[in-house]
């Protein structure tokens, strides 16, 4: 499981040895240092595939264990909550309110996944935002037997489709992603985006979302 911790920074000292003011130009101009300790990893599915995010944003499974598109940043954004970002694409994995998986250039509440350890050290990733209203059952990231991405509300936690084993490549430090709202990210249940902030967003490996001109 991933954890987060704060890296304490001290202001630089002036020639007299005193710490400078927090409003000094030197400090205010610096970018915040990475504070979140995560991992660069592959996510190996129990179905025999590596989860991958292709250059066009398509999410699926591959048998190629050396695929550069099957490497992800797992960034802790809460207690046992992670953001899953493609290392090559820099896109975030997300799940909408119909259970469709898609990719987003922006980090939103739909990009937050609860990371839970299942039996035999398998890990599941479920949406932090959506679940079955009647039963309360979580919606999970999952791959089918053909390596295709599944709708989250069709994946059960005790099935192989939901089970992944992270294969860490290295530990990395990350800056906290800037959280964007979902006002411009509503999508229809058919899998065709109705409006998107990101022109590269995809739903379950479907067609590319319309451009801003198409949406007007």
N, C-alpha and C. Protein backbone atom coordinates (compact mmCIF):
# COMPACT_ATOMS: atom_id res chain seq x y z
N UNK A 1 0.85 -1.19 0.00
CA UNK A 1 0.00 0.00 0.00
C UNK A 1 0.89 1.24 0.00
N UNK A 2 0.36 2.29 -0.65
CA UNK A 2 1.13 3.52 -0.72
C UNK A 2 0.83 4.41 0.46
N UNK A 3 1.80 5.20 0.89
CA UNK A 3 1.59 6.17 1.95
C UNK A 3 2.10 7.52 1.52
N UNK A 4 1.65 8.56 2.20
CA UNK A 4 2.10 9.91 1.87
C UNK A 4 2.74 10.54 3.10
N UNK A 5 3.73 11.38 2.88
CA UNK A 5 4.32 12.10 3.99
C UNK A 5 4.78 13.46 3.50
N UNK A 6 4.91 14.39 4.43
CA UNK A 6 5.32 15.74 4.10
C UNK A 6 6.82 15.87 4.25
N UNK A 7 7.42 16.51 3.26
CA UNK A 7 8.86 16.81 3.31
C UNK A 7 9.00 18.25 3.79
N UNK A 8 9.54 18.45 5.00
CA UNK A 8 9.60 19.79 5.59
C UNK A 8 10.69 20.61 4.92
N UNK A 9 10.31 21.82 4.47
CA UNK A 9 11.28 22.73 3.87
C UNK A 9 11.57 23.88 4.83
N UNK A 10 12.79 24.32 4.85
CA UNK A 10 13.17 25.48 5.64
C UNK A 10 13.48 26.63 4.70
N UNK A 11 13.15 27.82 5.11
CA UNK A 11 13.51 28.99 4.32
C UNK A 11 15.02 29.17 4.32
N UNK A 12 15.60 29.67 3.23
CA UNK A 12 17.04 29.94 3.23
C UNK A 12 17.37 31.03 4.25
N UNK A 13 18.59 31.01 4.76
CA UNK A 13 19.00 31.99 5.77
C UNK A 13 19.77 33.13 5.10
N UNK A 14 19.63 34.33 5.66
CA UNK A 14 20.39 35.45 5.12
C UNK A 14 21.80 35.43 5.72
N UNK A 15 22.59 36.45 5.43
CA UNK A 15 23.99 36.45 5.86
C UNK A 15 24.13 36.49 7.37
N UNK A 16 23.12 36.99 8.06
CA UNK A 16 23.19 37.06 9.52
C UNK A 16 22.80 35.74 10.17
N UNK A 17 22.37 34.78 9.36
CA UNK A 17 21.98 33.48 9.89
C UNK A 17 20.51 33.36 10.20
N UNK A 18 19.75 34.44 10.00
CA UNK A 18 18.32 34.40 10.26
C UNK A 18 17.57 33.85 9.06
N UNK A 19 16.49 33.14 9.34
CA UNK A 19 15.66 32.64 8.25
C UNK A 19 14.94 33.80 7.60
N UNK A 20 14.79 33.73 6.28
CA UNK A 20 14.15 34.82 5.55
C UNK A 20 12.64 34.77 5.75
N UNK A 21 11.99 35.84 5.35
CA UNK A 21 10.53 35.93 5.46
C UNK A 21 9.87 34.99 4.46
N UNK A 22 8.69 34.48 4.83
CA UNK A 22 7.96 33.59 3.93
C UNK A 22 7.46 34.33 2.70
N UNK A 23 7.55 35.67 2.73
CA UNK A 23 7.09 36.45 1.58
C UNK A 23 8.23 36.88 0.68
N UNK A 24 9.43 36.37 0.93
CA UNK A 24 10.56 36.80 0.11
C UNK A 24 10.41 36.31 -1.31
N UNK A 25 11.00 37.06 -2.25
CA UNK A 25 10.85 36.73 -3.67
C UNK A 25 11.46 35.38 -3.98
N UNK A 26 12.56 35.04 -3.29
CA UNK A 26 13.22 33.76 -3.56
C UNK A 26 12.30 32.60 -3.28
N UNK A 27 11.64 32.63 -2.12
CA UNK A 27 10.78 31.52 -1.72
C UNK A 27 9.49 31.49 -2.52
N UNK A 28 8.90 32.68 -2.76
CA UNK A 28 7.62 32.70 -3.47
C UNK A 28 7.76 32.28 -4.91
N UNK A 29 8.97 32.41 -5.48
CA UNK A 29 9.16 32.06 -6.89
C UNK A 29 9.43 30.57 -7.08
N UNK A 30 9.79 29.89 -5.99
CA UNK A 30 10.13 28.47 -6.13
C UNK A 30 8.87 27.61 -6.22
N UNK A 31 8.94 26.58 -7.04
CA UNK A 31 7.85 25.63 -7.11
C UNK A 31 7.85 24.77 -5.85
N UNK A 32 6.68 24.29 -5.42
CA UNK A 32 6.65 23.41 -4.25
C UNK A 32 7.41 22.12 -4.52
N UNK A 33 8.14 21.67 -3.54
CA UNK A 33 8.89 20.43 -3.70
C UNK A 33 7.95 19.24 -3.67
N UNK A 34 8.32 18.14 -4.36
CA UNK A 34 7.49 16.93 -4.29
C UNK A 34 7.33 16.47 -2.85
N UNK A 35 6.10 16.16 -2.46
CA UNK A 35 5.82 15.80 -1.08
C UNK A 35 5.19 14.42 -0.94
N UNK A 36 4.78 13.82 -2.04
CA UNK A 36 4.05 12.55 -1.99
C UNK A 36 4.95 11.42 -2.46
N UNK A 37 5.07 10.40 -1.64
CA UNK A 37 5.93 9.26 -1.97
C UNK A 37 5.08 8.17 -2.61
N UNK A 38 5.30 7.93 -3.90
CA UNK A 38 4.56 6.90 -4.63
C UNK A 38 5.51 5.96 -5.34
N UNK A 39 5.00 5.25 -6.32
CA UNK A 39 5.83 4.30 -7.06
C UNK A 39 5.56 4.40 -8.56
N UNK A 40 6.60 4.09 -9.32
CA UNK A 40 6.46 3.84 -10.75
C UNK A 40 6.34 2.33 -10.89
N UNK A 41 5.28 1.86 -11.53
CA UNK A 41 4.98 0.43 -11.48
C UNK A 41 4.26 -0.06 -12.72
N UNK A 42 4.31 -1.35 -12.93
CA UNK A 42 3.42 -2.03 -13.86
C UNK A 42 2.27 -2.62 -13.06
N UNK A 43 1.11 -2.77 -13.69
CA UNK A 43 -0.05 -3.37 -13.04
C UNK A 43 -0.41 -4.64 -13.79
N UNK A 44 -0.04 -5.77 -13.21
CA UNK A 44 -0.23 -7.07 -13.85
C UNK A 44 -1.58 -7.65 -13.45
N UNK A 45 -2.44 -7.88 -14.45
CA UNK A 45 -3.78 -8.40 -14.20
C UNK A 45 -3.75 -9.91 -13.98
N UNK A 46 -4.65 -10.39 -13.15
CA UNK A 46 -4.78 -11.83 -12.93
C UNK A 46 -5.25 -12.54 -14.19
N UNK A 47 -5.75 -11.78 -15.16
CA UNK A 47 -6.20 -12.36 -16.43
C UNK A 47 -5.03 -12.63 -17.37
N UNK A 48 -3.82 -12.24 -16.98
CA UNK A 48 -2.64 -12.52 -17.80
C UNK A 48 -2.18 -11.37 -18.66
N UNK A 49 -2.67 -10.16 -18.38
CA UNK A 49 -2.31 -8.99 -19.17
C UNK A 49 -1.66 -7.94 -18.28
N UNK A 50 -0.94 -7.03 -18.94
CA UNK A 50 -0.45 -5.83 -18.28
C UNK A 50 -1.40 -4.68 -18.65
N UNK A 51 -1.87 -3.97 -17.66
CA UNK A 51 -2.69 -2.80 -17.96
C UNK A 51 -1.84 -1.80 -18.72
N UNK A 52 -2.41 -1.21 -19.78
CA UNK A 52 -1.65 -0.22 -20.52
C UNK A 52 -2.54 0.95 -20.94
N UNK A 53 -1.90 2.10 -21.14
CA UNK A 53 -2.57 3.30 -21.62
C UNK A 53 -1.83 3.75 -22.88
N UNK A 54 -2.48 3.60 -24.02
CA UNK A 54 -1.84 3.88 -25.29
C UNK A 54 -1.76 5.38 -25.57
N UNK A 55 -0.95 5.79 -26.57
CA UNK A 55 -0.75 7.22 -26.84
C UNK A 55 -2.04 7.99 -27.10
N UNK A 56 -3.06 7.33 -27.70
CA UNK A 56 -4.32 8.03 -27.96
C UNK A 56 -5.26 8.00 -26.76
N UNK A 57 -4.80 7.45 -25.65
CA UNK A 57 -5.61 7.39 -24.44
C UNK A 57 -6.37 6.10 -24.25
N UNK A 58 -6.30 5.18 -25.21
CA UNK A 58 -6.99 3.90 -25.08
C UNK A 58 -6.44 3.11 -23.89
N UNK A 59 -7.35 2.54 -23.12
CA UNK A 59 -6.98 1.73 -21.96
C UNK A 59 -7.31 0.28 -22.27
N UNK A 60 -6.33 -0.62 -22.14
CA UNK A 60 -6.58 -2.03 -22.38
C UNK A 60 -5.47 -2.85 -21.75
N UNK A 61 -5.44 -4.15 -22.07
CA UNK A 61 -4.40 -5.02 -21.57
C UNK A 61 -3.48 -5.45 -22.69
N UNK A 62 -2.22 -5.70 -22.37
CA UNK A 62 -1.25 -6.17 -23.35
C UNK A 62 -0.48 -7.35 -22.79
N UNK A 63 -0.07 -8.25 -23.67
CA UNK A 63 0.78 -9.38 -23.28
C UNK A 63 2.26 -9.00 -23.28
N UNK A 64 2.56 -7.84 -23.84
CA UNK A 64 3.94 -7.38 -23.93
C UNK A 64 4.38 -6.83 -22.58
N UNK A 65 5.17 -7.60 -21.86
CA UNK A 65 5.60 -7.20 -20.52
C UNK A 65 6.63 -6.08 -20.55
N UNK A 66 7.14 -5.75 -21.74
CA UNK A 66 8.12 -4.67 -21.86
C UNK A 66 7.51 -3.40 -22.45
N UNK A 67 6.20 -3.39 -22.64
CA UNK A 67 5.56 -2.22 -23.23
C UNK A 67 5.80 -0.98 -22.37
N UNK A 68 6.26 0.09 -23.01
CA UNK A 68 6.49 1.33 -22.28
C UNK A 68 5.17 2.01 -21.91
N UNK A 69 4.08 1.59 -22.55
CA UNK A 69 2.77 2.17 -22.25
C UNK A 69 2.08 1.44 -21.09
N UNK A 70 2.75 0.44 -20.54
CA UNK A 70 2.20 -0.31 -19.41
C UNK A 70 2.89 0.06 -18.11
N UNK A 71 3.43 1.26 -18.06
CA UNK A 71 4.10 1.76 -16.86
C UNK A 71 3.31 2.95 -16.33
N UNK A 72 3.04 2.94 -15.03
CA UNK A 72 2.18 3.95 -14.42
C UNK A 72 2.82 4.60 -13.20
N UNK A 73 2.45 5.85 -12.99
CA UNK A 73 2.72 6.51 -11.72
C UNK A 73 1.54 6.23 -10.79
N UNK A 74 1.80 5.66 -9.64
CA UNK A 74 0.78 5.50 -8.60
C UNK A 74 1.05 6.57 -7.54
N UNK A 75 0.20 7.59 -7.55
CA UNK A 75 0.41 8.76 -6.71
C UNK A 75 -0.58 8.75 -5.55
N UNK A 76 -0.11 8.72 -4.31
CA UNK A 76 -1.03 8.73 -3.17
C UNK A 76 -1.69 10.10 -3.03
N UNK A 77 -3.01 10.11 -3.02
CA UNK A 77 -3.75 11.37 -2.89
C UNK A 77 -4.70 11.34 -1.69
N UNK A 78 -4.51 10.37 -0.82
CA UNK A 78 -5.33 10.21 0.37
C UNK A 78 -4.95 8.91 1.05
N UNK A 79 -5.65 8.59 2.14
CA UNK A 79 -5.38 7.35 2.86
C UNK A 79 -5.87 6.17 2.03
N UNK A 80 -4.93 5.37 1.53
CA UNK A 80 -5.24 4.23 0.65
C UNK A 80 -6.00 4.66 -0.60
N UNK A 81 -5.74 5.87 -1.05
CA UNK A 81 -6.34 6.41 -2.27
C UNK A 81 -5.23 6.84 -3.21
N UNK A 82 -5.32 6.44 -4.48
CA UNK A 82 -4.26 6.74 -5.44
C UNK A 82 -4.82 7.35 -6.71
N UNK A 83 -3.95 8.08 -7.39
CA UNK A 83 -4.18 8.49 -8.77
C UNK A 83 -3.30 7.60 -9.64
N UNK A 84 -3.84 7.14 -10.77
CA UNK A 84 -3.12 6.25 -11.68
C UNK A 84 -2.86 7.02 -12.96
N UNK A 85 -1.59 7.32 -13.21
CA UNK A 85 -1.21 8.16 -14.35
C UNK A 85 -0.25 7.42 -15.26
N UNK A 86 -0.52 7.42 -16.56
CA UNK A 86 0.38 6.81 -17.52
C UNK A 86 1.70 7.58 -17.58
N UNK A 87 2.81 6.88 -17.46
CA UNK A 87 4.12 7.54 -17.48
C UNK A 87 4.38 8.18 -18.83
N UNK A 88 4.04 7.48 -19.91
CA UNK A 88 4.29 7.99 -21.25
C UNK A 88 3.29 9.05 -21.67
N UNK A 89 2.02 8.83 -21.38
CA UNK A 89 0.96 9.73 -21.86
C UNK A 89 0.72 10.92 -20.95
N UNK A 90 1.07 10.78 -19.66
CA UNK A 90 0.79 11.79 -18.64
C UNK A 90 -0.71 11.99 -18.40
N UNK A 91 -1.53 11.05 -18.88
CA UNK A 91 -2.97 11.12 -18.68
C UNK A 91 -3.35 10.35 -17.42
N UNK A 92 -4.43 10.78 -16.78
CA UNK A 92 -4.93 10.10 -15.59
C UNK A 92 -6.04 9.12 -15.96
N UNK A 93 -6.06 7.98 -15.28
CA UNK A 93 -7.16 7.04 -15.41
C UNK A 93 -8.32 7.55 -14.58
N UNK A 94 -9.54 7.44 -15.13
CA UNK A 94 -10.72 7.95 -14.42
C UNK A 94 -11.92 7.05 -14.71
N UNK A 95 -12.94 7.13 -13.84
CA UNK A 95 -14.19 6.39 -14.04
C UNK A 95 -15.35 7.36 -13.86
N UNK A 96 -16.29 7.36 -14.84
CA UNK A 96 -17.40 8.30 -14.75
C UNK A 96 -18.60 7.68 -14.04
N UNK A 97 -19.70 8.42 -13.98
CA UNK A 97 -20.85 7.99 -13.18
C UNK A 97 -21.68 6.89 -13.83
N UNK A 98 -21.26 6.42 -15.01
CA UNK A 98 -21.89 5.26 -15.64
C UNK A 98 -21.00 4.03 -15.53
N UNK A 99 -19.83 4.19 -14.93
CA UNK A 99 -18.90 3.07 -14.78
C UNK A 99 -17.90 2.95 -15.91
N UNK A 100 -17.93 3.89 -16.87
CA UNK A 100 -16.98 3.84 -17.98
C UNK A 100 -15.61 4.35 -17.53
N UNK A 101 -14.55 3.66 -17.97
CA UNK A 101 -13.19 4.11 -17.74
C UNK A 101 -12.79 5.04 -18.88
N UNK A 102 -12.07 6.09 -18.55
CA UNK A 102 -11.59 7.00 -19.59
C UNK A 102 -10.29 7.63 -19.11
N UNK A 103 -9.64 8.38 -20.00
CA UNK A 103 -8.41 9.06 -19.64
C UNK A 103 -8.65 10.56 -19.64
N UNK A 104 -7.94 11.25 -18.77
CA UNK A 104 -8.13 12.69 -18.62
C UNK A 104 -6.80 13.40 -18.47
N UNK A 105 -6.67 14.54 -19.13
CA UNK A 105 -5.47 15.35 -18.96
C UNK A 105 -5.45 16.01 -17.59
N UNK A 106 -6.62 16.13 -16.98
CA UNK A 106 -6.75 16.83 -15.70
C UNK A 106 -7.10 15.85 -14.58
N UNK A 107 -6.60 16.14 -13.40
CA UNK A 107 -6.90 15.33 -12.22
C UNK A 107 -8.20 15.84 -11.61
N UNK A 108 -9.21 14.97 -11.57
CA UNK A 108 -10.53 15.31 -11.03
C UNK A 108 -10.92 14.29 -9.97
N UNK A 109 -12.03 14.50 -9.26
CA UNK A 109 -12.48 13.48 -8.30
C UNK A 109 -12.72 12.12 -8.93
N UNK A 110 -13.01 12.07 -10.25
CA UNK A 110 -13.21 10.79 -10.92
C UNK A 110 -11.90 10.03 -11.13
N UNK A 111 -10.78 10.68 -10.86
CA UNK A 111 -9.46 10.05 -11.01
C UNK A 111 -8.96 9.42 -9.71
N UNK A 112 -9.77 9.44 -8.67
CA UNK A 112 -9.36 8.88 -7.38
C UNK A 112 -9.85 7.45 -7.24
N UNK A 113 -8.92 6.54 -6.92
CA UNK A 113 -9.24 5.13 -6.77
C UNK A 113 -8.79 4.63 -5.39
N UNK A 114 -9.68 3.90 -4.75
CA UNK A 114 -9.32 3.26 -3.48
C UNK A 114 -8.51 2.01 -3.78
N UNK A 115 -7.36 1.89 -3.14
CA UNK A 115 -6.47 0.75 -3.33
C UNK A 115 -6.64 -0.20 -2.15
N UNK A 116 -7.09 -1.42 -2.43
CA UNK A 116 -7.36 -2.40 -1.37
C UNK A 116 -6.62 -3.69 -1.66
N UNK A 117 -6.04 -4.28 -0.62
CA UNK A 117 -5.36 -5.56 -0.77
C UNK A 117 -6.37 -6.69 -0.60
N UNK A 118 -6.46 -7.55 -1.62
CA UNK A 118 -7.36 -8.70 -1.60
C UNK A 118 -6.53 -9.91 -1.16
N UNK A 119 -7.14 -11.06 -1.16
CA UNK A 119 -6.43 -12.28 -0.76
C UNK A 119 -5.32 -12.61 -1.76
N UNK A 120 -4.31 -13.32 -1.29
CA UNK A 120 -3.16 -13.74 -2.11
C UNK A 120 -2.40 -12.55 -2.68
N UNK A 121 -2.45 -11.41 -1.96
CA UNK A 121 -1.68 -10.22 -2.30
C UNK A 121 -2.14 -9.52 -3.57
N UNK A 122 -3.28 -9.91 -4.11
CA UNK A 122 -3.83 -9.15 -5.23
C UNK A 122 -4.39 -7.83 -4.71
N UNK A 123 -4.37 -6.83 -5.59
CA UNK A 123 -4.84 -5.50 -5.24
C UNK A 123 -6.01 -5.12 -6.14
N UNK A 124 -7.01 -4.45 -5.58
CA UNK A 124 -8.14 -3.95 -6.36
C UNK A 124 -8.14 -2.43 -6.31
N UNK A 125 -8.70 -1.84 -7.38
CA UNK A 125 -8.82 -0.38 -7.47
C UNK A 125 -10.27 -0.04 -7.76
N UNK A 126 -10.90 0.66 -6.84
CA UNK A 126 -12.32 1.00 -6.99
C UNK A 126 -12.51 2.51 -6.96
N UNK A 127 -13.55 2.96 -7.66
CA UNK A 127 -13.85 4.39 -7.71
C UNK A 127 -14.15 4.92 -6.32
N UNK A 128 -13.58 6.07 -6.00
CA UNK A 128 -13.88 6.71 -4.72
C UNK A 128 -15.18 7.49 -4.79
N UNK A 129 -15.67 7.72 -6.00
CA UNK A 129 -16.82 8.62 -6.18
C UNK A 129 -18.12 7.88 -6.43
N UNK A 130 -18.05 6.71 -7.08
CA UNK A 130 -19.27 6.03 -7.50
C UNK A 130 -19.33 4.59 -7.00
N UNK A 131 -20.57 4.13 -6.77
CA UNK A 131 -20.84 2.74 -6.39
C UNK A 131 -22.31 2.47 -6.65
N UNK A 132 -22.71 1.20 -6.52
CA UNK A 132 -24.12 0.84 -6.70
C UNK A 132 -24.95 1.54 -5.62
N UNK A 133 -25.98 2.25 -6.04
CA UNK A 133 -26.78 3.00 -5.07
C UNK A 133 -27.56 2.09 -4.13
N UNK A 134 -28.12 1.02 -4.66
CA UNK A 134 -28.97 0.15 -3.84
C UNK A 134 -28.15 -0.68 -2.85
N UNK A 135 -27.12 -1.35 -3.37
CA UNK A 135 -26.35 -2.28 -2.54
C UNK A 135 -25.11 -1.67 -1.91
N UNK A 136 -24.63 -0.55 -2.47
CA UNK A 136 -23.40 0.04 -1.97
C UNK A 136 -22.15 -0.65 -2.49
N UNK A 137 -22.32 -1.59 -3.45
CA UNK A 137 -21.17 -2.32 -3.99
C UNK A 137 -20.28 -1.38 -4.79
N UNK A 138 -18.97 -1.51 -4.58
CA UNK A 138 -18.01 -0.64 -5.24
C UNK A 138 -17.88 -0.97 -6.72
N UNK A 139 -17.44 0.02 -7.49
CA UNK A 139 -17.16 -0.15 -8.92
C UNK A 139 -15.65 -0.25 -9.10
N UNK A 140 -15.20 -1.28 -9.81
CA UNK A 140 -13.78 -1.62 -9.87
C UNK A 140 -13.18 -1.47 -11.26
N UNK A 141 -11.90 -1.15 -11.28
CA UNK A 141 -11.10 -1.26 -12.48
C UNK A 141 -10.96 -2.74 -12.80
N UNK A 142 -11.16 -3.12 -14.08
CA UNK A 142 -11.06 -4.54 -14.42
C UNK A 142 -10.78 -4.79 -15.89
N UNK A 143 -10.11 -5.91 -16.16
CA UNK A 143 -9.86 -6.38 -17.53
C UNK A 143 -10.55 -7.72 -17.72
N UNK A 144 -11.16 -7.92 -18.90
CA UNK A 144 -11.78 -9.21 -19.18
C UNK A 144 -10.75 -10.21 -19.70
N UNK A 145 -11.20 -11.40 -20.06
CA UNK A 145 -10.28 -12.47 -20.48
C UNK A 145 -9.58 -12.17 -21.80
N UNK A 146 -10.12 -11.21 -22.56
CA UNK A 146 -9.50 -10.82 -23.83
C UNK A 146 -8.60 -9.60 -23.67
N UNK A 147 -8.49 -9.11 -22.46
CA UNK A 147 -7.66 -7.94 -22.23
C UNK A 147 -8.38 -6.62 -22.45
N UNK A 148 -9.69 -6.68 -22.60
CA UNK A 148 -10.47 -5.46 -22.79
C UNK A 148 -10.86 -4.84 -21.46
N UNK A 149 -10.95 -3.52 -21.44
CA UNK A 149 -11.35 -2.83 -20.22
C UNK A 149 -12.85 -3.04 -20.00
N UNK A 150 -13.26 -3.17 -18.75
CA UNK A 150 -14.66 -3.43 -18.42
C UNK A 150 -15.29 -2.22 -17.73
N UNK A 151 -16.61 -2.12 -17.83
CA UNK A 151 -17.30 -1.11 -17.05
C UNK A 151 -17.16 -1.44 -15.57
N UNK A 152 -16.92 -0.41 -14.78
CA UNK A 152 -16.67 -0.64 -13.36
C UNK A 152 -17.81 -1.30 -12.63
N UNK A 153 -19.06 -1.01 -13.04
CA UNK A 153 -20.21 -1.60 -12.36
C UNK A 153 -20.48 -3.03 -12.80
N UNK A 154 -19.65 -3.56 -13.72
CA UNK A 154 -19.77 -4.96 -14.14
C UNK A 154 -18.66 -5.82 -13.54
N UNK A 155 -17.79 -5.21 -12.74
CA UNK A 155 -16.64 -5.92 -12.18
C UNK A 155 -16.88 -6.19 -10.70
N UNK A 156 -16.70 -7.46 -10.29
CA UNK A 156 -16.86 -7.84 -8.89
C UNK A 156 -15.49 -8.07 -8.27
N UNK A 157 -15.35 -7.68 -7.01
CA UNK A 157 -14.04 -7.70 -6.37
C UNK A 157 -13.48 -9.10 -6.18
N UNK A 158 -14.36 -10.13 -6.14
CA UNK A 158 -13.88 -11.50 -5.92
C UNK A 158 -13.58 -12.22 -7.22
N UNK A 159 -13.69 -11.53 -8.35
CA UNK A 159 -13.40 -12.13 -9.65
C UNK A 159 -12.02 -11.71 -10.15
N UNK A 160 -11.44 -12.56 -11.00
CA UNK A 160 -10.08 -12.31 -11.50
C UNK A 160 -9.97 -10.99 -12.26
N UNK A 161 -11.07 -10.55 -12.86
CA UNK A 161 -11.05 -9.31 -13.65
C UNK A 161 -10.58 -8.12 -12.84
N UNK A 162 -10.87 -8.12 -11.54
CA UNK A 162 -10.56 -6.97 -10.68
C UNK A 162 -9.19 -7.06 -10.01
N UNK A 163 -8.49 -8.17 -10.20
CA UNK A 163 -7.28 -8.42 -9.42
C UNK A 163 -6.01 -8.03 -10.17
N UNK A 164 -5.20 -7.22 -9.53
CA UNK A 164 -3.93 -6.77 -10.11
C UNK A 164 -2.81 -6.97 -9.09
N UNK A 165 -1.61 -7.16 -9.62
CA UNK A 165 -0.42 -7.19 -8.77
C UNK A 165 0.51 -6.07 -9.24
N UNK A 166 0.71 -5.05 -8.42
CA UNK A 166 1.69 -4.02 -8.79
C UNK A 166 3.09 -4.61 -8.83
N UNK A 167 3.84 -4.25 -9.85
CA UNK A 167 5.23 -4.67 -9.98
C UNK A 167 6.10 -3.42 -10.01
N UNK A 168 6.43 -2.90 -8.81
CA UNK A 168 7.14 -1.61 -8.73
C UNK A 168 8.48 -1.63 -9.44
N UNK A 169 8.76 -0.54 -10.14
CA UNK A 169 10.05 -0.36 -10.81
C UNK A 169 10.96 0.55 -9.99
N UNK A 170 10.35 1.53 -9.32
CA UNK A 170 11.12 2.42 -8.45
C UNK A 170 10.17 3.25 -7.60
N UNK A 171 10.71 3.77 -6.51
CA UNK A 171 9.99 4.72 -5.67
C UNK A 171 10.22 6.12 -6.25
N UNK A 172 9.19 6.95 -6.21
CA UNK A 172 9.31 8.30 -6.76
C UNK A 172 8.58 9.28 -5.87
N UNK A 173 9.00 10.54 -5.94
CA UNK A 173 8.33 11.62 -5.20
C UNK A 173 7.52 12.45 -6.19
N UNK A 174 6.30 12.81 -5.77
CA UNK A 174 5.38 13.53 -6.66
C UNK A 174 4.85 14.78 -5.98
N UNK A 175 4.58 15.80 -6.80
CA UNK A 175 3.82 16.94 -6.31
C UNK A 175 2.34 16.58 -6.30
N UNK A 176 1.60 17.15 -5.37
CA UNK A 176 0.17 16.87 -5.29
C UNK A 176 -0.52 17.40 -6.54
N UNK A 177 -1.29 16.55 -7.26
CA UNK A 177 -1.96 17.01 -8.48
C UNK A 177 -2.98 18.10 -8.16
N UNK A 178 -3.12 19.06 -9.07
CA UNK A 178 -4.14 20.10 -8.91
C UNK A 178 -5.50 19.51 -9.24
N UNK A 179 -6.44 19.65 -8.31
CA UNK A 179 -7.76 19.05 -8.47
C UNK A 179 -8.67 19.97 -9.27
N UNK A 180 -9.26 19.43 -10.35
CA UNK A 180 -10.22 20.16 -11.18
C UNK A 180 -11.62 19.63 -10.89
N UNK A 181 -12.62 20.51 -11.06
CA UNK A 181 -13.99 20.05 -10.83
C UNK A 181 -14.53 19.33 -12.06
N UNK A 182 -15.74 18.79 -11.93
CA UNK A 182 -16.32 17.97 -12.99
C UNK A 182 -17.38 18.71 -13.80
N UNK A 183 -17.48 20.02 -13.64
CA UNK A 183 -18.53 20.78 -14.30
C UNK A 183 -18.54 20.57 -15.81
N UNK A 184 -17.35 20.53 -16.41
CA UNK A 184 -17.26 20.41 -17.86
C UNK A 184 -16.89 19.00 -18.29
N UNK A 185 -17.10 18.02 -17.41
CA UNK A 185 -16.69 16.66 -17.74
C UNK A 185 -17.85 15.69 -17.72
N UNK A 186 -19.09 16.16 -17.85
CA UNK A 186 -20.24 15.26 -17.86
C UNK A 186 -20.27 14.48 -19.16
N UNK A 187 -20.69 13.21 -19.07
CA UNK A 187 -20.71 12.33 -20.24
C UNK A 187 -21.98 11.51 -20.23
N UNK A 188 -22.43 11.11 -21.40
CA UNK A 188 -23.66 10.33 -21.48
C UNK A 188 -23.38 8.87 -21.20
N UNK A 189 -24.42 8.13 -20.81
CA UNK A 189 -24.26 6.72 -20.49
C UNK A 189 -23.97 5.85 -21.69
N UNK A 190 -24.11 6.38 -22.90
CA UNK A 190 -23.87 5.57 -24.09
C UNK A 190 -22.39 5.38 -24.35
N UNK A 191 -21.56 6.14 -23.64
CA UNK A 191 -20.12 6.05 -23.87
C UNK A 191 -19.62 7.13 -24.78
N UNK A 192 -20.49 8.00 -25.28
CA UNK A 192 -20.08 9.12 -26.11
C UNK A 192 -20.04 10.38 -25.27
N UNK A 193 -18.88 11.02 -25.14
CA UNK A 193 -18.80 12.20 -24.30
C UNK A 193 -19.75 13.29 -24.79
N UNK A 194 -20.45 13.94 -23.87
CA UNK A 194 -21.32 15.05 -24.24
C UNK A 194 -20.59 16.37 -24.11
N UNK A 195 -19.65 16.43 -23.22
CA UNK A 195 -18.83 17.62 -23.07
C UNK A 195 -17.57 17.23 -22.33
N UNK A 196 -16.44 17.72 -22.78
CA UNK A 196 -15.17 17.32 -22.17
C UNK A 196 -14.21 18.48 -22.13
N UNK A 197 -13.51 18.60 -21.01
CA UNK A 197 -12.46 19.60 -20.90
C UNK A 197 -11.25 19.16 -21.72
N UNK A 198 -11.08 17.87 -21.90
CA UNK A 198 -9.91 17.33 -22.58
C UNK A 198 -10.30 16.65 -23.88
N UNK A 199 -9.69 17.10 -24.98
CA UNK A 199 -10.03 16.52 -26.29
C UNK A 199 -9.48 15.13 -26.46
N UNK A 200 -8.60 14.69 -25.55
CA UNK A 200 -8.02 13.36 -25.68
C UNK A 200 -8.70 12.34 -24.79
N UNK A 201 -9.77 12.74 -24.11
CA UNK A 201 -10.45 11.81 -23.21
C UNK A 201 -11.11 10.69 -24.00
N UNK A 202 -11.06 9.47 -23.46
CA UNK A 202 -11.65 8.31 -24.10
C UNK A 202 -12.48 7.55 -23.09
N UNK A 203 -13.53 6.90 -23.56
CA UNK A 203 -14.37 6.09 -22.68
C UNK A 203 -14.21 4.63 -23.04
N UNK A 204 -13.67 3.85 -22.12
CA UNK A 204 -13.49 2.40 -22.31
C UNK A 204 -12.86 2.06 -23.65
N UNK A 205 -11.88 2.84 -24.07
CA UNK A 205 -11.19 2.56 -25.32
C UNK A 205 -12.00 2.93 -26.54
N UNK A 206 -13.07 3.70 -26.37
CA UNK A 206 -13.92 4.08 -27.49
C UNK A 206 -13.33 5.20 -28.30
N UNK A 207 -14.21 5.90 -29.04
CA UNK A 207 -13.74 6.96 -29.91
C UNK A 207 -13.24 8.16 -29.14
N UNK A 208 -12.41 8.94 -29.81
CA UNK A 208 -11.87 10.14 -29.19
C UNK A 208 -13.00 11.14 -28.97
N UNK A 209 -12.92 11.84 -27.87
CA UNK A 209 -13.99 12.78 -27.54
C UNK A 209 -13.99 13.93 -28.53
N UNK A 210 -15.13 14.58 -28.73
CA UNK A 210 -15.19 15.68 -29.67
C UNK A 210 -14.33 16.84 -29.25
N UNK A 211 -13.91 17.63 -30.25
CA UNK A 211 -13.11 18.81 -29.95
C UNK A 211 -13.99 19.90 -29.36
N UNK A 212 -13.36 20.95 -28.87
CA UNK A 212 -14.12 22.05 -28.30
C UNK A 212 -15.05 22.68 -29.32
N UNK A 213 -14.62 22.72 -30.60
CA UNK A 213 -15.47 23.29 -31.64
C UNK A 213 -16.70 22.43 -31.87
N UNK A 214 -16.53 21.11 -31.76
CA UNK A 214 -17.66 20.20 -31.95
C UNK A 214 -18.67 20.35 -30.83
N UNK A 215 -18.21 20.80 -29.67
CA UNK A 215 -19.07 20.87 -28.51
C UNK A 215 -19.87 22.15 -28.45
N UNK A 216 -19.51 23.11 -29.26
CA UNK A 216 -20.19 24.40 -29.21
C UNK A 216 -21.48 24.38 -30.03
